[in-house]
Each structure stands twice: as C-alpha cells, then as structure tokens.
Amino acid sequence: MTKTNNKTPKGDFLPNLCNAQSVLLLVLVAELIAVLLTLNASFLPLFSWDSLALYSFQIQWISLISAFAICHLRPWLRSWTPVQAGMMAYGAVLLITLIMSAAGQFLLQAFANGWFVGTQKFNFNGWQLFNNLLTSAILSGITLRYLYLQQQLRNQQQAELQARIQALQSRIRPHFLFNSMNSIASLISSDPDTAERVIEDLAELFRASLAEPALIPIEREITLCRRYLEIEQLRLGKRLTVDWQIGTLSDDLKIPSLMLQPLVENAIFHGIEPMPKGGSVSIKISQAKNQLMIAIANPYPLVKKAPPQSQTPSQDRHNHMALDNIRHRLQVHYGNSARLSSSEEQGIFTTYIFCPLSK
C-alpha cells in the first residue's frame, strides 16, 4: 500500500465506531431502517407494532454487533487498501446478518412451539434467510459507503489543517531573524558570552519551529517564550518589560507546541515596536478545575485611521493569520472544548485562550 506523508491516519477507513456518539447515531439509523421495513411490509393503517418490535430487535443486534466487530478490526483495516478494508467490513456485516438471522429463526420457533418443554423439529426457512441477507447487503452497502465518504472528508479536512499548521508553525518572521542576527553580530566583539547565549536561544526557537506539531509540557513552552523574550530584550532594551503571572500548574500539563510564543511575538510586533516609549507585555497563566486559562495583554498605538492609499494592511493581516493559526490548532487538538478570543479596550489588546487540561 502506498504510504502518505501527512500525519492524518490514512487507515481510518470508517469513523470510529467505538465511541458513544457513533453508537448512538448507529442505533437511530437502525431504528429508522426498522420503521422503513415495517412500513414496506404493511400499509400505514395496518401498521404492526409487533413487526416493528421484531425488526428493531434483529436490526439493532446486527448493527451493534457489526459495530463492535468493525471497531475491533480497525488496527487491521488501517493497514489495508480501501477496497480490502471495505470488503472486510462488508463481509463482516453479512456474516453477522447470517448468524443473527439463523439464530432469530431458531429462537422464534423455539418460543412459538415450546421446544424448551418438548421435542419438535426445527424448520429452517432458507428463503427468509436469503431475504434477510439481500436486504442487509443493500442497506449495509449504502450505510458503509456513506460512512466511508464521511470519514474520507474528515481525513481530508484534518490533513489540510495539519498542512496549514505545519506551514505556519515552521515560519519565522524575517524581520525577527534579521534583527536577531544583527544583535548577535554587534555582541560578538563586545560581549561574546551573551552572543553565544543568544545563538543558543535562536537555535532553540528554530528547533521548536521545525518540530512536528504535538502536545508538549507547558513548562517547555514557557521556557521557549522566555528564550524568545531574552532575544527581543537585547534589541528593545528598556522599551520592553514583561510581567509574568503564572499560577500553580500541574507538572504533567501539556499544550500544543508553539502556542504561546507566536502570541507573545504578536504582542511585541504589533504593540511594543510601534510605540516610541515601548510598553509592558502581560502574560497570565492559571489553572482552575479542568481548564487552562491564558491571557496575553499588550498596549497598542491609538492612531487615526490612515487613508486607503497609505495603509499597510500586511501587519494587521499577519496578526489575524496568527490568531487563526492558533484557533485552528486548538480545534485540531481539543475540538470545540477550547476557544480563543481577543478584545481591545482603552489601548490594551488582550488575547484569551481557554482549553481543557491535557495530560
């Protein structure tokens, strides 16, 4: 099988049928099929609740056991081609239908004829079994095809998100790189020890930028931010002050890599640099119950809106791109459980992040 280079699980042929949400959806679909088959067997005025109960019982058992089987076949399905995985899942459903249909015939005749208290011969109905298999072949084929297309769409979306994350994560602003190299050049003769430390900090930033997107300990991300701020401190001097407010955090708490550093870089690039007197960047990190809260605040210049011909929207666009990048990464790691927001009040721009604890 041809290997792909993205990190999205290529072998996820079908949605994960092991979780409660998928099982609930499957139960609802199975019940709708039972209603459809009952309506097909009798007209609406003669709707048989007994037939509905019988169809529901058999279809629900087939659906749930099939989901259980496909769930446990996932490790093997991932290593096969889509055609092989599809045939295996399809064959598993038909085999389960065959077994459950035969068992259903046996139990119905057993209860109807009182086999548990007497001895009577089992009359196997081959046509009924064939009818069940044909019905299952059509309905399960449609259902599996739908689930397959849904999963492929989800895989494609995840791959696009991961590609965008990797592209944005691996990008370091040219102006920061050039400024850092100039700072290092000016320090080599006057303060070689500091120049060496700055080179190490810059190397660590590049290493983190080129690493694969993943959850890392929050202490490592904080250390990376401190390294970045040390480099910027050399360039901005007294114009930049940083107020760290870090509460008590769990030792094994993790966050997406490069989540704080781009926001701190935004605060300096859009807030501190344009202001002649500089300002202070406030970084608050706290943990409450099952949620991590991060707030990064910085001043921003209050200027009148420039005419359209003199505007340079690249900075504002880059700010929105960075925030969208973080927002998408939170979505990938936490789904809808995390959120990012921002506010502008009285010359202070604040970015807020709320996300569940990851250990």
Foldseek 3Di string as FASTA:
>chain_A
DDDDDFPQLPLCQFPQLPDPVNLVVLLVVQLVVLQVVQCVVDPPVPRDPVSSVVSSVLSNVLSVVLSVVLNVCSVVSSVDDSVVSVVVSLVSSLVSQLVSVQVSQVVVCCVVVVCVVHPDDRDDDPVVSVVSSVVSNVVVVVVSVVRSVVVVVVSVVLRVLQVLLLVVLQDDDPVLVVLLVVLLVVCCVPPVVVSVLLVVLVVVSNVLSNDRKDKDFVVVQVVNLVSSVVSVCSVCPQLEAEAEAEDDDDRRWIDIGPLVNVVVVLQCVAAAVVDPSGWYWYWYWYDDDFKIKIKIKGFGDDDDDDPPVPDDCPSVVVVVVSVVSSQSVLCSVANPQKDWDWDADPRMIMIMIMHGTDD
